[in-house]
Structures are given as structure tokens and as C-alpha cells.
Amino acid sequence: MANDSGNMSMPMPPSAYNNQSILYMPMMQMSFFWGKDVVVLFSGWPGSGRLGMYILALAVVFLFAVAAEVFSVPPNFKPRGVRPAAAAAVYAALYGVRMTLAYFVMLAVMSFNVGVLLVAVAGHVAGSFAVKYRALAAVARAVDGP
């Protein structure tokens, strides 16, 4: 696109760089990779070259994924004498916790680390298994009787 002088380049506005320091923004990994040098959820965590902290980060992602699946099934209780607004507030709070955990897992996976991805999927699978096992065990107890 040409400007008035016929030059094909688009100059930056003069105010964009006048006496301002440019902040260093490191490039983020945009393809999947193996390795323990990764940033998961928070800047500087688990840190570079720290295997123990990387394993802790993987454990946290796993537990968040399991908890997100466990909270996906609302509690099965019939509130007696509880106002509908109070019961709805409890369900809404549990939903908020579930969504917070799910978004944390999503952000962790966006680190593009294969280990984090595998642990997140394994956590969702383990959480789904726990929820389904509990439901099927309750049905089997109800069918078989005491």
C-alpha cells in the first residue's frame, strides 16, 4: 500500500517509539514439545531446569483435571427445609469451582508441553472413571440390596 510520497512501506507513527523503552516479551512455544523447561499456569513456575518442581506441576494439573470431572456431577441430595435460592447458590458455587478448575487445566495445556497434555488427559480419564464407578456401584448396591 503506497503512502502520499509513493513509498510502499508503512511508517510507524512517530509517537509509537519516542523515548519509550520496548519491553522484552519472550516468545511462547507454539508447537508441542517434550521437556521439563516449561511455564505452567504462572510465570516462572515450575522454573527452568527443576525436575522436582516440574513433577509437582504435573501432579497439580492431574489433580485439577480429576477434580474438574468430580465436580461435573452435581451432588445428589434433596434439600429438606432449604430455600430454593440457597440450594441454587450451592449448585452455582460448585459450578464456579468446576469451571475454574477446567480453565486452569486448559491454560496448563496451552503451555504446549506434551507431558502436561498427557497428564491432563489422564486426570480427566481418572476423574471420569471415579465418577462412573461410584454411580455404577450405587446402582449395584440398590439392585442387590443390603
N, C-alpha and C. Protein backbone atom coordinates (compact mmCIF):
# COMPACT_ATOMS: atom_id res chain seq x y z
N MET A 1 0.85 -1.16 0.00
CA MET A 1 0.00 0.00 0.00
C MET A 1 0.90 1.23 0.00
N ALA A 2 0.68 2.14 -0.91
CA ALA A 2 1.55 3.30 -1.06
C ALA A 2 1.01 4.46 -0.25
N ASN A 3 1.94 5.25 0.34
CA ASN A 3 1.51 6.47 1.01
C ASN A 3 1.60 7.63 0.02
N ASP A 4 1.43 8.85 0.48
CA ASP A 4 1.37 10.00 -0.42
C ASP A 4 2.66 10.22 -1.19
N SER A 5 3.79 9.82 -0.65
CA SER A 5 5.06 10.03 -1.33
C SER A 5 5.39 8.91 -2.31
N GLY A 6 4.52 7.92 -2.44
CA GLY A 6 4.76 6.83 -3.36
C GLY A 6 5.56 5.70 -2.75
N ASN A 7 5.97 5.83 -1.51
CA ASN A 7 6.74 4.79 -0.83
C ASN A 7 5.82 3.64 -0.46
N MET A 8 6.23 2.42 -0.68
CA MET A 8 5.40 1.25 -0.43
C MET A 8 5.40 0.82 1.03
N SER A 9 6.32 1.29 1.84
CA SER A 9 6.35 0.86 3.23
C SER A 9 5.44 1.74 4.07
N MET A 10 4.94 1.16 5.13
CA MET A 10 4.04 1.89 6.03
C MET A 10 4.85 2.32 7.24
N PRO A 11 5.16 3.61 7.37
CA PRO A 11 5.96 4.03 8.52
C PRO A 11 5.14 3.97 9.80
N MET A 12 5.84 3.75 10.90
CA MET A 12 5.19 3.74 12.20
C MET A 12 4.87 5.18 12.59
N PRO A 13 3.80 5.39 13.30
CA PRO A 13 3.53 6.75 13.77
C PRO A 13 4.67 7.23 14.65
N PRO A 14 5.01 8.50 14.59
CA PRO A 14 6.16 8.97 15.34
C PRO A 14 6.03 8.82 16.84
N SER A 15 4.83 8.78 17.37
CA SER A 15 4.66 8.69 18.82
C SER A 15 4.84 7.27 19.35
N ALA A 16 4.93 6.28 18.47
CA ALA A 16 4.97 4.89 18.92
C ALA A 16 6.27 4.56 19.66
N TYR A 17 7.41 5.13 19.26
CA TYR A 17 8.68 4.76 19.86
C TYR A 17 9.42 5.96 20.45
N ASN A 18 8.81 7.09 20.57
CA ASN A 18 9.50 8.26 21.10
C ASN A 18 9.81 8.09 22.58
N ASN A 19 11.07 7.99 22.89
CA ASN A 19 11.55 7.95 24.27
C ASN A 19 10.86 6.89 25.13
N GLN A 20 10.45 5.83 24.54
CA GLN A 20 9.82 4.73 25.28
C GLN A 20 10.69 3.50 25.15
N SER A 21 10.89 2.80 26.25
CA SER A 21 11.64 1.56 26.18
C SER A 21 10.71 0.45 25.74
N ILE A 22 11.21 -0.42 24.93
CA ILE A 22 10.42 -1.55 24.45
C ILE A 22 10.60 -2.69 25.45
N LEU A 23 9.50 -3.20 25.96
CA LEU A 23 9.56 -4.30 26.92
C LEU A 23 9.94 -5.59 26.21
N TYR A 24 10.76 -6.37 26.87
CA TYR A 24 11.16 -7.66 26.32
C TYR A 24 10.04 -8.66 26.57
N MET A 25 9.50 -9.22 25.53
CA MET A 25 8.45 -10.22 25.63
C MET A 25 8.99 -11.51 25.01
N PRO A 26 9.31 -12.52 25.85
CA PRO A 26 9.84 -13.76 25.27
C PRO A 26 8.77 -14.44 24.43
N MET A 27 9.21 -15.10 23.40
CA MET A 27 8.28 -15.81 22.53
C MET A 27 7.79 -17.06 23.23
N MET A 28 6.53 -17.35 23.05
CA MET A 28 5.93 -18.51 23.66
C MET A 28 6.01 -19.69 22.70
N GLN A 29 6.20 -20.87 23.22
CA GLN A 29 6.26 -22.08 22.41
C GLN A 29 4.89 -22.28 21.76
N MET A 30 4.86 -22.47 20.45
CA MET A 30 3.60 -22.61 19.74
C MET A 30 3.45 -23.97 19.05
N SER A 31 4.23 -24.94 19.47
CA SER A 31 4.08 -26.31 18.99
C SER A 31 4.41 -27.24 20.15
N PHE A 32 3.87 -28.45 20.11
CA PHE A 32 4.09 -29.37 21.22
C PHE A 32 5.56 -29.77 21.31
N PHE A 33 6.05 -29.92 22.53
CA PHE A 33 7.44 -30.28 22.75
C PHE A 33 7.55 -31.09 24.04
N TRP A 34 8.62 -31.88 24.14
CA TRP A 34 8.94 -32.61 25.36
C TRP A 34 9.94 -31.78 26.14
N GLY A 35 9.91 -31.90 27.43
CA GLY A 35 10.93 -31.24 28.24
C GLY A 35 10.38 -30.72 29.54
N LYS A 36 11.29 -30.48 30.48
CA LYS A 36 10.87 -30.00 31.79
C LYS A 36 10.96 -28.49 31.91
N ASP A 37 11.53 -27.82 30.94
CA ASP A 37 11.65 -26.37 30.95
C ASP A 37 10.40 -25.77 30.33
N VAL A 38 9.42 -25.49 31.16
CA VAL A 38 8.12 -25.03 30.69
C VAL A 38 7.53 -24.08 31.73
N VAL A 39 6.64 -23.23 31.30
CA VAL A 39 5.89 -22.37 32.22
C VAL A 39 4.46 -22.90 32.25
N VAL A 40 4.01 -23.31 33.44
CA VAL A 40 2.66 -23.86 33.60
C VAL A 40 1.87 -22.95 34.53
N LEU A 41 0.83 -22.36 34.02
CA LEU A 41 -0.12 -21.53 34.76
C LEU A 41 0.42 -20.18 35.21
N PHE A 42 1.60 -20.11 35.83
CA PHE A 42 2.10 -18.86 36.37
C PHE A 42 3.51 -18.60 35.85
N SER A 43 3.84 -17.37 35.65
CA SER A 43 5.17 -17.01 35.16
C SER A 43 6.23 -17.48 36.15
N GLY A 44 7.22 -18.19 35.63
CA GLY A 44 8.31 -18.67 36.46
C GLY A 44 8.03 -19.97 37.19
N TRP A 45 6.88 -20.57 36.98
CA TRP A 45 6.56 -21.83 37.66
C TRP A 45 6.37 -22.92 36.63
N PRO A 46 6.99 -24.02 36.69
CA PRO A 46 7.79 -24.59 37.76
C PRO A 46 9.25 -24.17 37.75
N GLY A 47 9.66 -23.35 36.85
CA GLY A 47 11.05 -22.91 36.83
C GLY A 47 11.86 -23.70 35.83
N SER A 48 12.98 -23.16 35.44
CA SER A 48 13.81 -23.78 34.42
C SER A 48 14.80 -24.76 35.06
N GLY A 49 14.84 -25.97 34.54
CA GLY A 49 15.82 -26.96 34.99
C GLY A 49 15.54 -27.57 36.35
N ARG A 50 14.32 -27.50 36.82
CA ARG A 50 13.99 -28.03 38.15
C ARG A 50 13.01 -29.18 37.97
N LEU A 51 13.53 -30.39 37.93
CA LEU A 51 12.71 -31.57 37.67
C LEU A 51 11.66 -31.79 38.75
N GLY A 52 12.01 -31.61 40.01
CA GLY A 52 11.06 -31.82 41.10
C GLY A 52 9.87 -30.89 40.99
N MET A 53 10.10 -29.63 40.65
CA MET A 53 9.01 -28.68 40.50
C MET A 53 8.16 -28.99 39.27
N TYR A 54 8.80 -29.51 38.21
CA TYR A 54 8.05 -29.93 37.03
C TYR A 54 7.12 -31.08 37.37
N ILE A 55 7.60 -32.04 38.14
CA ILE A 55 6.76 -33.17 38.56
C ILE A 55 5.62 -32.67 39.45
N LEU A 56 5.90 -31.72 40.32
CA LEU A 56 4.84 -31.13 41.14
C LEU A 56 3.80 -30.43 40.26
N ALA A 57 4.24 -29.72 39.24
CA ALA A 57 3.31 -29.05 38.32
C ALA A 57 2.43 -30.08 37.61
N LEU A 58 3.03 -31.20 37.20
CA LEU A 58 2.24 -32.26 36.56
C LEU A 58 1.21 -32.84 37.52
N ALA A 59 1.60 -33.02 38.78
CA ALA A 59 0.66 -33.54 39.79
C ALA A 59 -0.48 -32.57 40.02
N VAL A 60 -0.20 -31.28 40.03
CA VAL A 60 -1.25 -30.27 40.23
C VAL A 60 -2.22 -30.29 39.05
N VAL A 61 -1.70 -30.36 37.84
CA VAL A 61 -2.56 -30.42 36.65
C VAL A 61 -3.42 -31.68 36.69
N PHE A 62 -2.83 -32.80 37.08
CA PHE A 62 -3.57 -34.07 37.18
C PHE A 62 -4.71 -33.92 38.20
N LEU A 63 -4.42 -33.38 39.37
CA LEU A 63 -5.45 -33.22 40.41
C LEU A 63 -6.53 -32.23 39.99
N PHE A 64 -6.15 -31.17 39.31
CA PHE A 64 -7.16 -30.21 38.81
C PHE A 64 -8.09 -30.89 37.81
N ALA A 65 -7.54 -31.73 36.92
CA ALA A 65 -8.37 -32.42 35.93
C ALA A 65 -9.30 -33.43 36.60
N VAL A 66 -8.78 -34.18 37.59
CA VAL A 66 -9.63 -35.12 38.33
C VAL A 66 -10.75 -34.36 39.04
N ALA A 67 -10.40 -33.28 39.72
CA ALA A 67 -11.40 -32.51 40.45
C ALA A 67 -12.44 -31.90 39.51
N ALA A 68 -12.03 -31.46 38.33
CA ALA A 68 -12.99 -30.91 37.37
C ALA A 68 -14.01 -31.97 36.97
N GLU A 69 -13.56 -33.21 36.79
CA GLU A 69 -14.50 -34.29 36.46
C GLU A 69 -15.40 -34.64 37.64
N VAL A 70 -14.85 -34.65 38.83
CA VAL A 70 -15.66 -34.98 40.01
C VAL A 70 -16.73 -33.91 40.22
N PHE A 71 -16.38 -32.65 40.03
CA PHE A 71 -17.36 -31.58 40.19
C PHE A 71 -18.33 -31.49 39.03
N SER A 72 -18.13 -32.26 37.96
CA SER A 72 -19.05 -32.21 36.83
C SER A 72 -20.37 -32.90 37.14
N VAL A 73 -20.40 -33.73 38.17
CA VAL A 73 -21.63 -34.39 38.59
C VAL A 73 -22.13 -33.68 39.84
N PRO A 74 -23.30 -33.03 39.74
CA PRO A 74 -23.79 -32.33 40.93
C PRO A 74 -24.15 -33.30 42.04
N PRO A 75 -24.07 -32.84 43.28
CA PRO A 75 -24.44 -33.74 44.38
C PRO A 75 -25.89 -34.18 44.26
N ASN A 76 -26.15 -35.40 44.66
CA ASN A 76 -27.48 -35.98 44.53
C ASN A 76 -28.17 -35.98 45.89
N PHE A 77 -28.63 -34.82 46.28
CA PHE A 77 -29.33 -34.73 47.55
C PHE A 77 -30.61 -33.93 47.38
N LYS A 78 -31.55 -34.19 48.24
CA LYS A 78 -32.82 -33.47 48.20
C LYS A 78 -32.86 -32.57 49.43
N PRO A 79 -32.70 -31.28 49.20
CA PRO A 79 -32.68 -30.38 50.35
C PRO A 79 -34.06 -30.28 51.00
N ARG A 80 -34.10 -30.63 52.26
CA ARG A 80 -35.36 -30.52 53.00
C ARG A 80 -35.29 -29.26 53.85
N GLY A 81 -36.26 -28.42 53.72
CA GLY A 81 -36.30 -27.21 54.50
C GLY A 81 -35.29 -26.16 54.06
N VAL A 82 -34.68 -26.33 52.91
CA VAL A 82 -33.72 -25.36 52.40
C VAL A 82 -34.41 -24.53 51.31
N ARG A 83 -34.21 -23.26 51.38
CA ARG A 83 -34.81 -22.38 50.37
C ARG A 83 -34.24 -22.70 49.00
N PRO A 84 -35.06 -22.59 47.97
CA PRO A 84 -34.55 -22.84 46.60
C PRO A 84 -33.38 -21.93 46.23
N ALA A 85 -33.41 -20.70 46.70
CA ALA A 85 -32.31 -19.79 46.37
C ALA A 85 -31.00 -20.26 46.98
N ALA A 86 -31.06 -20.79 48.21
CA ALA A 86 -29.85 -21.28 48.86
C ALA A 86 -29.31 -22.52 48.14
N ALA A 87 -30.21 -23.43 47.77
CA ALA A 87 -29.78 -24.63 47.03
C ALA A 87 -29.19 -24.24 45.68
N ALA A 88 -29.81 -23.28 45.00
CA ALA A 88 -29.29 -22.83 43.71
C ALA A 88 -27.92 -22.16 43.89
N ALA A 89 -27.73 -21.45 44.99
CA ALA A 89 -26.43 -20.81 45.25
C ALA A 89 -25.34 -21.86 45.45
N VAL A 90 -25.68 -22.95 46.13
CA VAL A 90 -24.70 -24.02 46.32
C VAL A 90 -24.33 -24.65 44.99
N TYR A 91 -25.33 -24.95 44.17
CA TYR A 91 -25.05 -25.51 42.84
C TYR A 91 -24.23 -24.54 42.00
N ALA A 92 -24.56 -23.25 42.06
CA ALA A 92 -23.81 -22.25 41.28
C ALA A 92 -22.36 -22.16 41.76
N ALA A 93 -22.15 -22.23 43.07
CA ALA A 93 -20.79 -22.19 43.60
C ALA A 93 -19.98 -23.40 43.14
N LEU A 94 -20.60 -24.58 43.17
CA LEU A 94 -19.91 -25.79 42.70
C LEU A 94 -19.60 -25.69 41.21
N TYR A 95 -20.51 -25.12 40.45
CA TYR A 95 -20.28 -24.92 39.02
C TYR A 95 -19.12 -23.95 38.80
N GLY A 96 -19.06 -22.90 39.61
CA GLY A 96 -17.96 -21.95 39.51
C GLY A 96 -16.62 -22.60 39.80
N VAL A 97 -16.58 -23.47 40.81
CA VAL A 97 -15.34 -24.19 41.14
C VAL A 97 -14.95 -25.09 39.98
N ARG A 98 -15.94 -25.79 39.43
CA ARG A 98 -15.66 -26.70 38.30
C ARG A 98 -15.11 -25.95 37.10
N MET A 99 -15.72 -24.82 36.78
CA MET A 99 -15.25 -24.06 35.62
C MET A 99 -13.86 -23.47 35.85
N THR A 100 -13.59 -23.04 37.07
CA THR A 100 -12.26 -22.52 37.40
C THR A 100 -11.21 -23.61 37.20
N LEU A 101 -11.49 -24.80 37.70
CA LEU A 101 -10.55 -25.91 37.54
C LEU A 101 -10.37 -26.26 36.06
N ALA A 102 -11.47 -26.29 35.31
CA ALA A 102 -11.40 -26.64 33.89
C ALA A 102 -10.57 -25.60 33.12
N TYR A 103 -10.75 -24.32 33.44
CA TYR A 103 -9.96 -23.30 32.76
C TYR A 103 -8.48 -23.36 33.15
N PHE A 104 -8.18 -23.70 34.41
CA PHE A 104 -6.79 -23.88 34.80
C PHE A 104 -6.15 -25.02 34.02
N VAL A 105 -6.88 -26.11 33.84
CA VAL A 105 -6.35 -27.23 33.06
C VAL A 105 -6.13 -26.80 31.61
N MET A 106 -7.09 -26.06 31.06
CA MET A 106 -6.95 -25.59 29.69
C MET A 106 -5.72 -24.69 29.54
N LEU A 107 -5.53 -23.78 30.48
CA LEU A 107 -4.36 -22.89 30.42
C LEU A 107 -3.06 -23.67 30.57
N ALA A 108 -3.06 -24.70 31.39
CA ALA A 108 -1.86 -25.53 31.54
C ALA A 108 -1.54 -26.25 30.24
N VAL A 109 -2.56 -26.76 29.57
CA VAL A 109 -2.34 -27.46 28.30
C VAL A 109 -1.83 -26.48 27.24
N MET A 110 -2.19 -25.22 27.36
CA MET A 110 -1.72 -24.22 26.40
C MET A 110 -0.23 -23.92 26.55
N SER A 111 0.44 -24.57 27.50
CA SER A 111 1.90 -24.47 27.57
C SER A 111 2.54 -25.28 26.44
N PHE A 112 1.75 -26.11 25.77
CA PHE A 112 2.18 -26.94 24.64
C PHE A 112 3.23 -27.97 25.03
N ASN A 113 3.27 -28.33 26.29
CA ASN A 113 4.17 -29.37 26.75
C ASN A 113 3.44 -30.70 26.66
N VAL A 114 4.05 -31.68 26.04
CA VAL A 114 3.40 -32.98 25.85
C VAL A 114 3.13 -33.66 27.19
N GLY A 115 4.04 -33.53 28.14
CA GLY A 115 3.83 -34.12 29.46
C GLY A 115 2.60 -33.54 30.14
N VAL A 116 2.43 -32.23 30.05
CA VAL A 116 1.26 -31.58 30.65
C VAL A 116 -0.01 -32.06 29.95
N LEU A 117 0.02 -32.18 28.64
CA LEU A 117 -1.16 -32.66 27.89
C LEU A 117 -1.53 -34.07 28.32
N LEU A 118 -0.53 -34.96 28.39
CA LEU A 118 -0.81 -36.35 28.77
C LEU A 118 -1.36 -36.45 30.19
N VAL A 119 -0.80 -35.67 31.10
CA VAL A 119 -1.26 -35.70 32.49
C VAL A 119 -2.68 -35.13 32.59
N ALA A 120 -2.99 -34.09 31.83
CA ALA A 120 -4.33 -33.51 31.85
C ALA A 120 -5.36 -34.53 31.33
N VAL A 121 -5.05 -35.19 30.24
CA VAL A 121 -5.96 -36.22 29.71
C VAL A 121 -6.10 -37.36 30.70
N ALA A 122 -4.99 -37.81 31.27
CA ALA A 122 -5.04 -38.90 32.26
C ALA A 122 -5.88 -38.49 33.48
N GLY A 123 -5.78 -37.25 33.91
CA GLY A 123 -6.58 -36.78 35.03
C GLY A 123 -8.06 -36.76 34.71
N HIS A 124 -8.41 -36.32 33.51
CA HIS A 124 -9.82 -36.35 33.11
C HIS A 124 -10.34 -37.79 33.03
N VAL A 125 -9.52 -38.69 32.51
CA VAL A 125 -9.92 -40.09 32.42
C VAL A 125 -10.09 -40.69 33.82
N ALA A 126 -9.15 -40.43 34.70
CA ALA A 126 -9.24 -40.97 36.07
C ALA A 126 -10.44 -40.39 36.80
N GLY A 127 -10.69 -39.11 36.63
CA GLY A 127 -11.86 -38.49 37.26
C GLY A 127 -13.17 -39.03 36.72
N SER A 128 -13.23 -39.22 35.42
CA SER A 128 -14.43 -39.79 34.81
C SER A 128 -14.65 -41.22 35.29
N PHE A 129 -13.57 -41.99 35.39
CA PHE A 129 -13.67 -43.36 35.89
C PHE A 129 -14.19 -43.38 37.33
N ALA A 130 -13.66 -42.50 38.18
CA ALA A 130 -14.09 -42.45 39.58
C ALA A 130 -15.56 -42.10 39.70
N VAL A 131 -16.00 -41.13 38.93
CA VAL A 131 -17.41 -40.71 38.97
C VAL A 131 -18.32 -41.84 38.48
N LYS A 132 -17.96 -42.46 37.37
CA LYS A 132 -18.79 -43.53 36.80
C LYS A 132 -18.78 -44.76 37.70
N TYR A 133 -17.64 -45.09 38.27
CA TYR A 133 -17.55 -46.23 39.17
C TYR A 133 -18.45 -46.02 40.39
N ARG A 134 -18.41 -44.84 40.93
CA ARG A 134 -19.25 -44.53 42.10
C ARG A 134 -20.73 -44.67 41.75
N ALA A 135 -21.13 -44.17 40.59
CA ALA A 135 -22.54 -44.26 40.18
C ALA A 135 -22.95 -45.71 39.94
N LEU A 136 -22.11 -46.48 39.27
CA LEU A 136 -22.45 -47.88 38.99
C LEU A 136 -22.45 -48.71 40.27
N ALA A 137 -21.56 -48.42 41.20
CA ALA A 137 -21.55 -49.13 42.48
C ALA A 137 -22.81 -48.84 43.27
N ALA A 138 -23.29 -47.59 43.21
CA ALA A 138 -24.53 -47.25 43.91
C ALA A 138 -25.72 -47.97 43.31
N VAL A 139 -25.75 -48.11 42.00
CA VAL A 139 -26.84 -48.84 41.33
C VAL A 139 -26.77 -50.32 41.70
N ALA A 140 -25.56 -50.89 41.70
CA ALA A 140 -25.41 -52.31 42.04
C ALA A 140 -25.84 -52.56 43.48
N ARG A 141 -25.52 -51.67 44.39
CA ARG A 141 -25.97 -51.83 45.79
C ARG A 141 -27.48 -51.74 45.90
N ALA A 142 -28.09 -50.86 45.11
CA ALA A 142 -29.55 -50.71 45.17
C ALA A 142 -30.24 -51.94 44.59
N VAL A 143 -29.66 -52.53 43.55
CA VAL A 143 -30.26 -53.72 42.92
C VAL A 143 -30.07 -54.95 43.79
N ASP A 144 -28.86 -55.15 44.32
CA ASP A 144 -28.56 -56.33 45.14
C ASP A 144 -29.16 -56.25 46.53
N GLY A 145 -29.39 -55.06 47.00
CA GLY A 145 -29.92 -54.91 48.36
C GLY A 145 -28.82 -54.98 49.39
N PRO A 146 -29.18 -54.83 50.66
CA PRO A 146 -28.16 -54.81 51.72
C PRO A 146 -27.51 -56.13 51.96
